[in-house]
Amino acid sequence: MKTQLPALMLAALLGLSQCKTKDPTPDPPKDPLSQLPAETQTGQRTFGCLVNGQAWTQAGSPLGGPLLSAQYFSQQLTVSANRSTTVDGVRTVQGIQINIDKINSIGTYTLTDSTKRFVNIVDLVTACTYYTDKTHPATVEITRLDPVARIVSGRFAFTLETPNCGKITATNGRFDCRF
C-alpha cells in the first residue's frame, strides 16, 4: 500500500499539470467598425476611421512624435493622427492630417484645396502621399468646436488617389481632441 500512495499522488499531480486555464484576454473583435473609438464630444483624445475597410487608429510612436494633436489658432484647425505598427514583420508608419482654414463654427466642410482646406495621408514606408483636390474632395463635419473648453470633435470621409500608389478610401471617420 505504501508504494501505491506515492504512485497515485504522482499520477494526480501529472494529471493536474496538464490542465489548462482559458486565456482571460478576449478575442479581438472581428468587425472593423467595432474596433474604432466611440464618437464622443468630450475631448477624449481619440481618432479613428476605416481605411479601405480596415480599422485605422493612432498607435505606436512614429518618429517620436505625438500620436494625436489638434491646433486651433486664427480660425485655422489642424488635426493630426499618427501610427506606427508592425504586422507579420511588415512595418508601417502613417499619418493623417485634416486642415481647415476660416472655421469658426460647427458644420460640414468640403476640403478640395491642398494648401488651405485639405486632408492628406503620408505613408513613410511606401513614400506615398495623398492629398485632397477638386477630383478627390474630403468631407469633414465638425460636431463640436469649443474654444473655451478647447475641444474639437467631428466626422470625416474621403477617397484619395495618387499615381503609382493607388486609392485610399476612409469611411466612418471620427475624432475628439483637445487643442
N, C-alpha and C. Protein backbone atom coordinates (compact mmCIF):
# COMPACT_ATOMS: atom_id res chain seq x y z
N MET A 1 0.82 -1.19 0.00
CA MET A 1 0.00 0.00 0.00
C MET A 1 0.86 1.26 0.00
N LYS A 2 2.05 1.14 0.70
CA LYS A 2 2.92 2.31 0.75
C LYS A 2 3.41 2.70 -0.63
N THR A 3 3.68 1.75 -1.50
CA THR A 3 4.19 2.07 -2.82
C THR A 3 3.09 2.59 -3.73
N GLN A 4 1.85 2.25 -3.46
CA GLN A 4 0.74 2.72 -4.29
C GLN A 4 0.42 4.18 -4.02
N LEU A 5 0.57 4.64 -2.78
CA LEU A 5 0.22 6.02 -2.42
C LEU A 5 1.08 7.02 -3.17
N PRO A 6 2.42 6.90 -3.19
CA PRO A 6 3.21 7.85 -3.97
C PRO A 6 2.91 7.76 -5.45
N ALA A 7 2.63 6.59 -5.95
CA ALA A 7 2.31 6.45 -7.37
C ALA A 7 0.99 7.16 -7.69
N LEU A 8 0.00 7.03 -6.82
CA LEU A 8 -1.29 7.72 -7.02
C LEU A 8 -1.11 9.23 -6.94
N MET A 9 -0.29 9.68 -5.99
CA MET A 9 -0.06 11.13 -5.86
C MET A 9 0.67 11.66 -7.10
N LEU A 10 1.63 10.90 -7.60
CA LEU A 10 2.36 11.30 -8.80
C LEU A 10 1.42 11.36 -10.00
N ALA A 11 0.55 10.40 -10.13
CA ALA A 11 -0.42 10.39 -11.24
C ALA A 11 -1.36 11.58 -11.14
N ALA A 12 -1.80 11.90 -9.92
CA ALA A 12 -2.71 13.04 -9.73
C ALA A 12 -2.01 14.34 -10.08
N LEU A 13 -0.76 14.50 -9.66
CA LEU A 13 -0.01 15.71 -9.97
C LEU A 13 0.22 15.84 -11.47
N LEU A 14 0.56 14.75 -12.13
CA LEU A 14 0.74 14.80 -13.58
C LEU A 14 -0.56 15.17 -14.27
N GLY A 15 -1.65 14.65 -13.80
CA GLY A 15 -2.96 14.98 -14.38
C GLY A 15 -3.30 16.44 -14.21
N LEU A 16 -3.03 16.97 -13.02
CA LEU A 16 -3.32 18.38 -12.76
C LEU A 16 -2.41 19.30 -13.57
N SER A 17 -1.18 18.87 -13.81
CA SER A 17 -0.25 19.72 -14.56
C SER A 17 -0.67 19.86 -16.01
N GLN A 18 -1.51 18.98 -16.49
CA GLN A 18 -1.97 19.03 -17.87
C GLN A 18 -3.20 19.93 -18.04
N CYS A 19 -3.76 20.40 -16.93
CA CYS A 19 -4.94 21.27 -17.01
C CYS A 19 -4.53 22.62 -17.58
N LYS A 20 -5.35 23.16 -18.41
CA LYS A 20 -5.08 24.48 -18.99
C LYS A 20 -6.23 25.39 -18.63
N THR A 21 -5.89 26.60 -18.26
CA THR A 21 -6.94 27.58 -17.99
C THR A 21 -7.14 28.40 -19.25
N LYS A 22 -8.33 28.88 -19.43
CA LYS A 22 -8.63 29.69 -20.59
C LYS A 22 -7.98 31.06 -20.43
N ASP A 23 -7.38 31.55 -21.51
CA ASP A 23 -6.76 32.87 -21.51
C ASP A 23 -7.85 33.91 -21.21
N PRO A 24 -7.66 34.74 -20.17
CA PRO A 24 -8.69 35.72 -19.83
C PRO A 24 -8.81 36.85 -20.84
N THR A 25 -7.85 36.97 -21.77
CA THR A 25 -7.91 38.02 -22.77
C THR A 25 -8.93 37.64 -23.84
N PRO A 26 -9.94 38.46 -24.05
CA PRO A 26 -10.94 38.11 -25.06
C PRO A 26 -10.36 38.21 -26.47
N ASP A 27 -10.93 37.44 -27.38
CA ASP A 27 -10.53 37.53 -28.77
C ASP A 27 -10.85 38.92 -29.30
N PRO A 28 -9.99 39.45 -30.19
CA PRO A 28 -10.27 40.78 -30.74
C PRO A 28 -11.55 40.74 -31.57
N PRO A 29 -12.26 41.87 -31.61
CA PRO A 29 -13.50 41.92 -32.40
C PRO A 29 -13.21 41.65 -33.87
N LYS A 30 -14.12 40.97 -34.51
CA LYS A 30 -13.95 40.64 -35.92
C LYS A 30 -14.41 41.79 -36.82
N ASP A 31 -15.38 42.55 -36.39
CA ASP A 31 -15.94 43.64 -37.17
C ASP A 31 -15.03 44.87 -37.07
N PRO A 32 -14.44 45.35 -38.19
CA PRO A 32 -13.52 46.50 -38.11
C PRO A 32 -14.18 47.75 -37.51
N LEU A 33 -15.46 47.96 -37.77
CA LEU A 33 -16.13 49.15 -37.23
C LEU A 33 -16.15 49.14 -35.70
N SER A 34 -16.25 47.96 -35.11
CA SER A 34 -16.28 47.87 -33.65
C SER A 34 -14.90 48.14 -33.04
N GLN A 35 -13.86 48.18 -33.85
CA GLN A 35 -12.51 48.47 -33.36
C GLN A 35 -12.21 49.96 -33.30
N LEU A 36 -13.12 50.78 -33.82
CA LEU A 36 -12.91 52.24 -33.79
C LEU A 36 -13.37 52.79 -32.45
N PRO A 37 -12.80 53.94 -32.05
CA PRO A 37 -13.26 54.56 -30.80
C PRO A 37 -14.69 55.06 -30.96
N ALA A 38 -15.37 55.16 -29.85
CA ALA A 38 -16.75 55.68 -29.86
C ALA A 38 -16.73 57.15 -30.29
N GLU A 39 -17.84 57.59 -30.88
CA GLU A 39 -17.97 59.02 -31.22
C GLU A 39 -18.32 59.77 -29.95
N THR A 40 -17.42 60.62 -29.52
CA THR A 40 -17.64 61.42 -28.32
C THR A 40 -17.37 62.89 -28.65
N GLN A 41 -17.74 63.76 -27.72
CA GLN A 41 -17.51 65.19 -27.88
C GLN A 41 -17.02 65.80 -26.57
N THR A 42 -16.16 65.06 -25.88
CA THR A 42 -15.70 65.49 -24.56
C THR A 42 -14.19 65.63 -24.46
N GLY A 43 -13.48 65.61 -25.60
CA GLY A 43 -12.03 65.75 -25.57
C GLY A 43 -11.32 64.47 -25.16
N GLN A 44 -11.78 63.32 -25.60
CA GLN A 44 -11.24 62.02 -25.19
C GLN A 44 -9.90 61.66 -25.85
N ARG A 45 -9.40 62.48 -26.76
CA ARG A 45 -8.14 62.22 -27.48
C ARG A 45 -8.24 60.94 -28.30
N THR A 46 -9.29 60.87 -29.12
CA THR A 46 -9.49 59.69 -29.96
C THR A 46 -9.54 60.10 -31.43
N PHE A 47 -9.16 59.15 -32.27
CA PHE A 47 -9.17 59.35 -33.71
C PHE A 47 -9.26 57.97 -34.34
N GLY A 48 -10.11 57.82 -35.32
CA GLY A 48 -10.19 56.54 -35.99
C GLY A 48 -11.04 56.61 -37.24
N CYS A 49 -10.82 55.66 -38.14
CA CYS A 49 -11.62 55.54 -39.35
C CYS A 49 -11.37 54.16 -39.94
N LEU A 50 -12.16 53.81 -40.93
CA LEU A 50 -11.89 52.60 -41.69
C LEU A 50 -11.16 53.03 -42.95
N VAL A 51 -9.95 52.53 -43.15
CA VAL A 51 -9.17 52.82 -44.36
C VAL A 51 -9.20 51.55 -45.20
N ASN A 52 -9.83 51.67 -46.35
CA ASN A 52 -10.02 50.51 -47.24
C ASN A 52 -10.63 49.34 -46.47
N GLY A 53 -11.57 49.66 -45.58
CA GLY A 53 -12.31 48.65 -44.84
C GLY A 53 -11.66 48.14 -43.58
N GLN A 54 -10.43 48.58 -43.27
CA GLN A 54 -9.72 48.13 -42.08
C GLN A 54 -9.64 49.26 -41.05
N ALA A 55 -9.74 48.89 -39.78
CA ALA A 55 -9.68 49.88 -38.70
C ALA A 55 -8.33 50.58 -38.70
N TRP A 56 -8.35 51.91 -38.59
CA TRP A 56 -7.13 52.73 -38.52
C TRP A 56 -7.29 53.65 -37.32
N THR A 57 -6.44 53.48 -36.32
CA THR A 57 -6.43 54.36 -35.15
C THR A 57 -4.99 54.74 -34.86
N GLN A 58 -4.81 55.79 -34.09
CA GLN A 58 -3.44 56.18 -33.75
C GLN A 58 -2.82 55.06 -32.91
N ALA A 59 -1.55 54.77 -33.17
CA ALA A 59 -0.89 53.66 -32.47
C ALA A 59 0.62 53.83 -32.56
N GLY A 60 1.32 53.22 -31.62
CA GLY A 60 2.78 53.24 -31.63
C GLY A 60 3.32 54.62 -31.32
N SER A 61 4.50 54.89 -31.81
CA SER A 61 5.14 56.19 -31.61
C SER A 61 5.97 56.51 -32.84
N PRO A 62 5.32 56.93 -33.92
CA PRO A 62 6.06 57.17 -35.15
C PRO A 62 7.02 58.35 -35.02
N LEU A 63 8.27 58.08 -35.28
CA LEU A 63 9.32 59.10 -35.28
C LEU A 63 9.35 59.92 -33.99
N GLY A 64 8.86 59.34 -32.91
CA GLY A 64 8.90 60.01 -31.62
C GLY A 64 7.91 61.14 -31.46
N GLY A 65 7.04 61.37 -32.44
CA GLY A 65 6.07 62.46 -32.37
C GLY A 65 4.81 62.05 -31.65
N PRO A 66 3.89 62.99 -31.48
CA PRO A 66 2.64 62.66 -30.80
C PRO A 66 1.75 61.78 -31.67
N LEU A 67 0.95 60.96 -31.02
CA LEU A 67 0.00 60.12 -31.75
C LEU A 67 -1.17 60.93 -32.27
N LEU A 68 -1.59 61.92 -31.51
CA LEU A 68 -2.74 62.73 -31.89
C LEU A 68 -2.53 64.15 -31.40
N SER A 69 -2.76 65.11 -32.28
CA SER A 69 -2.65 66.50 -31.86
C SER A 69 -3.70 67.32 -32.60
N ALA A 70 -4.11 68.39 -31.97
CA ALA A 70 -5.05 69.32 -32.59
C ALA A 70 -4.60 70.74 -32.25
N GLN A 71 -4.72 71.62 -33.23
CA GLN A 71 -4.39 73.03 -33.04
C GLN A 71 -5.51 73.86 -33.63
N TYR A 72 -5.88 74.90 -32.92
CA TYR A 72 -6.89 75.83 -33.43
C TYR A 72 -6.39 77.23 -33.11
N PHE A 73 -6.05 77.98 -34.16
CA PHE A 73 -5.49 79.31 -33.99
C PHE A 73 -5.87 80.16 -35.18
N SER A 74 -6.34 81.36 -34.94
CA SER A 74 -6.73 82.29 -36.01
C SER A 74 -7.67 81.64 -37.02
N GLN A 75 -8.67 80.94 -36.51
CA GLN A 75 -9.69 80.28 -37.31
C GLN A 75 -9.13 79.20 -38.23
N GLN A 76 -7.98 78.64 -37.90
CA GLN A 76 -7.44 77.53 -38.66
C GLN A 76 -7.33 76.32 -37.74
N LEU A 77 -7.92 75.22 -38.19
CA LEU A 77 -7.94 73.97 -37.41
C LEU A 77 -7.05 72.94 -38.10
N THR A 78 -6.21 72.28 -37.31
CA THR A 78 -5.40 71.16 -37.80
C THR A 78 -5.53 70.02 -36.80
N VAL A 79 -5.91 68.85 -37.30
CA VAL A 79 -5.97 67.63 -36.50
C VAL A 79 -5.06 66.63 -37.18
N SER A 80 -4.09 66.09 -36.43
CA SER A 80 -3.13 65.13 -36.98
C SER A 80 -3.11 63.87 -36.13
N ALA A 81 -3.17 62.72 -36.79
CA ALA A 81 -3.07 61.43 -36.10
C ALA A 81 -1.96 60.62 -36.77
N ASN A 82 -1.21 59.88 -35.97
CA ASN A 82 -0.09 59.10 -36.47
C ASN A 82 -0.14 57.68 -35.94
N ARG A 83 0.45 56.79 -36.70
CA ARG A 83 0.54 55.40 -36.24
C ARG A 83 1.78 54.74 -36.79
N SER A 84 2.33 53.85 -35.99
CA SER A 84 3.45 53.02 -36.39
C SER A 84 3.13 51.61 -35.91
N THR A 85 2.98 50.69 -36.84
CA THR A 85 2.63 49.32 -36.48
C THR A 85 3.52 48.34 -37.22
N THR A 86 3.64 47.16 -36.67
CA THR A 86 4.33 46.06 -37.34
C THR A 86 3.42 44.85 -37.30
N VAL A 87 3.04 44.37 -38.47
CA VAL A 87 2.18 43.20 -38.58
C VAL A 87 2.89 42.20 -39.48
N ASP A 88 3.08 40.99 -38.96
CA ASP A 88 3.76 39.92 -39.70
C ASP A 88 5.12 40.39 -40.24
N GLY A 89 5.84 41.17 -39.43
CA GLY A 89 7.16 41.63 -39.81
C GLY A 89 7.20 42.82 -40.75
N VAL A 90 6.04 43.33 -41.14
CA VAL A 90 5.97 44.47 -42.05
C VAL A 90 5.62 45.72 -41.23
N ARG A 91 6.50 46.71 -41.29
CA ARG A 91 6.30 47.95 -40.52
C ARG A 91 5.60 48.99 -41.38
N THR A 92 4.64 49.69 -40.79
CA THR A 92 4.01 50.82 -41.45
C THR A 92 4.13 52.04 -40.54
N VAL A 93 4.36 53.18 -41.15
CA VAL A 93 4.39 54.46 -40.44
C VAL A 93 3.53 55.40 -41.28
N GLN A 94 2.39 55.81 -40.72
CA GLN A 94 1.43 56.61 -41.47
C GLN A 94 0.92 57.77 -40.63
N GLY A 95 0.48 58.80 -41.33
CA GLY A 95 -0.13 59.94 -40.67
C GLY A 95 -1.30 60.45 -41.49
N ILE A 96 -2.34 60.87 -40.80
CA ILE A 96 -3.49 61.52 -41.45
C ILE A 96 -3.61 62.91 -40.85
N GLN A 97 -3.73 63.91 -41.71
CA GLN A 97 -3.87 65.29 -41.25
C GLN A 97 -5.09 65.92 -41.90
N ILE A 98 -5.88 66.61 -41.09
CA ILE A 98 -7.04 67.36 -41.55
C ILE A 98 -6.75 68.83 -41.27
N ASN A 99 -6.88 69.67 -42.30
CA ASN A 99 -6.61 71.10 -42.14
C ASN A 99 -7.77 71.90 -42.73
N ILE A 100 -8.35 72.78 -41.92
CA ILE A 100 -9.46 73.62 -42.38
C ILE A 100 -9.17 75.05 -41.96
N ASP A 101 -9.16 75.96 -42.94
CA ASP A 101 -8.97 77.37 -42.59
C ASP A 101 -10.33 78.07 -42.56
N LYS A 102 -10.35 79.23 -41.94
CA LYS A 102 -11.55 80.06 -41.81
C LYS A 102 -12.73 79.26 -41.25
N ILE A 103 -12.48 78.63 -40.11
CA ILE A 103 -13.51 77.85 -39.43
C ILE A 103 -13.78 78.49 -38.07
N ASN A 104 -15.03 78.78 -37.81
CA ASN A 104 -15.37 79.35 -36.51
C ASN A 104 -16.67 78.79 -35.94
N SER A 105 -17.19 77.74 -36.58
CA SER A 105 -18.42 77.14 -36.06
C SER A 105 -18.53 75.69 -36.51
N ILE A 106 -19.48 74.99 -35.89
CA ILE A 106 -19.74 73.63 -36.33
C ILE A 106 -20.37 73.67 -37.72
N GLY A 107 -20.32 72.55 -38.42
CA GLY A 107 -20.88 72.49 -39.75
C GLY A 107 -20.12 71.51 -40.61
N THR A 108 -20.54 71.37 -41.85
CA THR A 108 -19.91 70.45 -42.79
C THR A 108 -19.03 71.22 -43.75
N TYR A 109 -17.82 70.76 -43.92
CA TYR A 109 -16.83 71.42 -44.77
C TYR A 109 -16.36 70.45 -45.85
N THR A 110 -16.28 70.95 -47.08
CA THR A 110 -15.74 70.17 -48.19
C THR A 110 -14.32 70.65 -48.43
N LEU A 111 -13.37 69.73 -48.37
CA LEU A 111 -11.96 70.07 -48.48
C LEU A 111 -11.46 69.67 -49.87
N THR A 112 -11.05 70.68 -50.65
CA THR A 112 -10.59 70.43 -52.01
C THR A 112 -9.27 71.10 -52.34
N ASP A 113 -8.81 72.00 -51.51
CA ASP A 113 -7.62 72.80 -51.79
C ASP A 113 -6.45 72.21 -51.01
N SER A 114 -5.38 71.87 -51.67
CA SER A 114 -4.26 71.23 -50.99
C SER A 114 -3.41 72.19 -50.17
N THR A 115 -3.75 73.48 -50.15
CA THR A 115 -2.97 74.42 -49.35
C THR A 115 -3.73 74.99 -48.15
N LYS A 116 -5.07 75.09 -48.24
CA LYS A 116 -5.81 75.70 -47.16
C LYS A 116 -6.84 74.78 -46.50
N ARG A 117 -7.51 73.98 -47.30
CA ARG A 117 -8.52 73.05 -46.79
C ARG A 117 -8.22 71.70 -47.40
N PHE A 118 -7.66 70.82 -46.59
CA PHE A 118 -7.24 69.55 -47.16
C PHE A 118 -7.19 68.44 -46.13
N VAL A 119 -7.14 67.24 -46.64
CA VAL A 119 -6.78 66.05 -45.88
C VAL A 119 -5.59 65.46 -46.61
N ASN A 120 -4.61 65.03 -45.87
CA ASN A 120 -3.52 64.31 -46.51
C ASN A 120 -3.15 63.09 -45.68
N ILE A 121 -2.65 62.09 -46.39
CA ILE A 121 -2.15 60.87 -45.77
C ILE A 121 -0.73 60.69 -46.26
N VAL A 122 0.16 60.38 -45.34
CA VAL A 122 1.55 60.12 -45.69
C VAL A 122 1.90 58.74 -45.17
N ASP A 123 2.49 57.92 -46.03
CA ASP A 123 2.99 56.61 -45.64
C ASP A 123 4.49 56.65 -45.84
N LEU A 124 5.25 56.71 -44.74
CA LEU A 124 6.69 56.87 -44.82
C LEU A 124 7.40 55.63 -45.35
N VAL A 125 6.80 54.47 -45.21
CA VAL A 125 7.44 53.25 -45.68
C VAL A 125 7.34 53.14 -47.20
N THR A 126 6.16 53.42 -47.76
CA THR A 126 6.00 53.33 -49.22
C THR A 126 6.33 54.64 -49.93
N ALA A 127 6.55 55.71 -49.18
CA ALA A 127 6.81 57.05 -49.72
C ALA A 127 5.63 57.57 -50.53
N CYS A 128 4.43 57.14 -50.18
CA CYS A 128 3.21 57.61 -50.86
C CYS A 128 2.57 58.73 -50.04
N THR A 129 2.17 59.79 -50.73
CA THR A 129 1.47 60.91 -50.12
C THR A 129 0.19 61.15 -50.91
N TYR A 130 -0.91 61.32 -50.22
CA TYR A 130 -2.21 61.55 -50.84
C TYR A 130 -2.75 62.89 -50.34
N TYR A 131 -3.32 63.70 -51.25
CA TYR A 131 -3.94 64.98 -50.89
C TYR A 131 -5.33 65.07 -51.51
N THR A 132 -6.18 65.81 -50.85
CA THR A 132 -7.47 66.13 -51.45
C THR A 132 -7.26 67.12 -52.58
N ASP A 133 -8.15 67.08 -53.55
CA ASP A 133 -8.16 68.06 -54.63
C ASP A 133 -9.59 68.13 -55.16
N LYS A 134 -9.80 68.89 -56.21
CA LYS A 134 -11.16 69.04 -56.74
C LYS A 134 -11.74 67.71 -57.22
N THR A 135 -10.89 66.81 -57.70
CA THR A 135 -11.34 65.49 -58.15
C THR A 135 -11.56 64.54 -56.97
N HIS A 136 -10.79 64.73 -55.90
CA HIS A 136 -10.84 63.86 -54.72
C HIS A 136 -11.05 64.71 -53.46
N PRO A 137 -12.27 65.22 -53.26
CA PRO A 137 -12.52 66.04 -52.07
C PRO A 137 -12.72 65.17 -50.82
N ALA A 138 -12.64 65.80 -49.69
CA ALA A 138 -12.96 65.15 -48.41
C ALA A 138 -14.10 65.93 -47.78
N THR A 139 -14.89 65.24 -47.00
CA THR A 139 -15.97 65.89 -46.25
C THR A 139 -15.66 65.75 -44.77
N VAL A 140 -15.68 66.86 -44.07
CA VAL A 140 -15.45 66.87 -42.63
C VAL A 140 -16.63 67.59 -41.98
N GLU A 141 -17.26 66.92 -41.04
CA GLU A 141 -18.36 67.54 -40.28
C GLU A 141 -17.84 67.83 -38.88
N ILE A 142 -17.74 69.10 -38.55
CA ILE A 142 -17.33 69.49 -37.20
C ILE A 142 -18.59 69.47 -36.33
N THR A 143 -18.60 68.60 -35.33
CA THR A 143 -19.77 68.45 -34.47
C THR A 143 -19.63 69.23 -33.17
N ARG A 144 -18.40 69.58 -32.80
CA ARG A 144 -18.17 70.45 -31.65
C ARG A 144 -16.89 71.23 -31.89
N LEU A 145 -16.96 72.53 -31.72
CA LEU A 145 -15.80 73.41 -31.76
C LEU A 145 -15.97 74.38 -30.61
N ASP A 146 -15.27 74.12 -29.53
CA ASP A 146 -15.44 74.86 -28.28
C ASP A 146 -14.11 75.50 -27.88
N PRO A 147 -13.90 76.79 -28.25
CA PRO A 147 -12.63 77.46 -27.91
C PRO A 147 -12.44 77.64 -26.40
N VAL A 148 -13.51 77.70 -25.63
CA VAL A 148 -13.38 77.87 -24.18
C VAL A 148 -12.89 76.57 -23.53
N ALA A 149 -13.57 75.45 -23.82
CA ALA A 149 -13.16 74.15 -23.28
C ALA A 149 -11.99 73.57 -24.07
N ARG A 150 -11.67 74.18 -25.23
CA ARG A 150 -10.57 73.76 -26.09
C ARG A 150 -10.77 72.32 -26.59
N ILE A 151 -11.98 72.06 -27.12
CA ILE A 151 -12.34 70.73 -27.63
C ILE A 151 -12.84 70.86 -29.06
N VAL A 152 -12.39 69.94 -29.92
CA VAL A 152 -12.92 69.85 -31.27
C VAL A 152 -13.26 68.39 -31.54
N SER A 153 -14.43 68.16 -32.12
CA SER A 153 -14.89 66.81 -32.45
C SER A 153 -15.51 66.83 -33.83
N GLY A 154 -15.46 65.69 -34.50
CA GLY A 154 -16.07 65.65 -35.82
C GLY A 154 -16.04 64.28 -36.46
N ARG A 155 -16.56 64.27 -37.70
CA ARG A 155 -16.60 63.06 -38.53
C ARG A 155 -15.97 63.41 -39.88
N PHE A 156 -15.47 62.39 -40.58
CA PHE A 156 -14.88 62.65 -41.89
C PHE A 156 -14.96 61.42 -42.78
N ALA A 157 -14.84 61.68 -44.10
CA ALA A 157 -14.80 60.61 -45.10
C ALA A 157 -14.10 61.17 -46.34
N PHE A 158 -13.37 60.30 -47.04
CA PHE A 158 -12.71 60.73 -48.27
C PHE A 158 -12.25 59.52 -49.07
N THR A 159 -12.01 59.78 -50.35
CA THR A 159 -11.34 58.83 -51.24
C THR A 159 -10.25 59.61 -51.94
N LEU A 160 -9.00 59.20 -51.75
CA LEU A 160 -7.86 59.89 -52.35
C LEU A 160 -7.11 58.91 -53.24
N GLU A 161 -6.50 59.46 -54.29
CA GLU A 161 -5.76 58.60 -55.20
C GLU A 161 -4.50 59.31 -55.65
N THR A 162 -3.40 58.56 -55.71
CA THR A 162 -2.12 59.08 -56.16
C THR A 162 -1.55 58.09 -57.17
N PRO A 163 -1.07 58.59 -58.32
CA PRO A 163 -0.46 57.69 -59.31
C PRO A 163 0.65 56.85 -58.67
N ASN A 164 0.75 55.62 -59.05
CA ASN A 164 1.75 54.65 -58.57
C ASN A 164 1.56 54.27 -57.10
N CYS A 165 0.56 54.83 -56.42
CA CYS A 165 0.31 54.48 -55.02
C CYS A 165 -1.07 53.86 -54.83
N GLY A 166 -1.97 54.12 -55.76
CA GLY A 166 -3.30 53.55 -55.64
C GLY A 166 -4.30 54.48 -54.97
N LYS A 167 -5.38 53.88 -54.54
CA LYS A 167 -6.51 54.62 -53.98
C LYS A 167 -6.68 54.26 -52.50
N ILE A 168 -7.03 55.25 -51.70
CA ILE A 168 -7.34 55.06 -50.29
C ILE A 168 -8.72 55.64 -50.03
N THR A 169 -9.57 54.83 -49.42
CA THR A 169 -10.91 55.29 -49.06
C THR A 169 -11.05 55.22 -47.55
N ALA A 170 -11.40 56.33 -46.94
CA ALA A 170 -11.64 56.38 -45.49
C ALA A 170 -13.12 56.63 -45.26
N THR A 171 -13.72 55.81 -44.42
CA THR A 171 -15.13 55.95 -44.05
C THR A 171 -15.25 55.89 -42.54
N ASN A 172 -16.40 56.30 -42.04
CA ASN A 172 -16.71 56.25 -40.62
C ASN A 172 -15.67 56.94 -39.76
N GLY A 173 -15.03 57.99 -40.29
CA GLY A 173 -14.01 58.70 -39.56
C GLY A 173 -14.59 59.50 -38.43
N ARG A 174 -13.85 59.55 -37.32
CA ARG A 174 -14.27 60.35 -36.16
C ARG A 174 -13.06 60.78 -35.35
N PHE A 175 -13.17 61.93 -34.71
CA PHE A 175 -12.10 62.40 -33.85
C PHE A 175 -12.71 63.21 -32.72
N ASP A 176 -12.01 63.26 -31.61
CA ASP A 176 -12.43 64.01 -30.43
C ASP A 176 -11.15 64.39 -29.69
N CYS A 177 -10.76 65.67 -29.79
CA CYS A 177 -9.46 66.08 -29.28
C CYS A 177 -9.56 67.38 -28.47
N ARG A 178 -8.55 67.58 -27.69
CA ARG A 178 -8.33 68.88 -27.03
C ARG A 178 -7.25 69.60 -27.82
N PHE A 179 -7.37 70.90 -27.91
CA PHE A 179 -6.33 71.68 -28.60
C PHE A 179 -5.77 72.71 -27.66
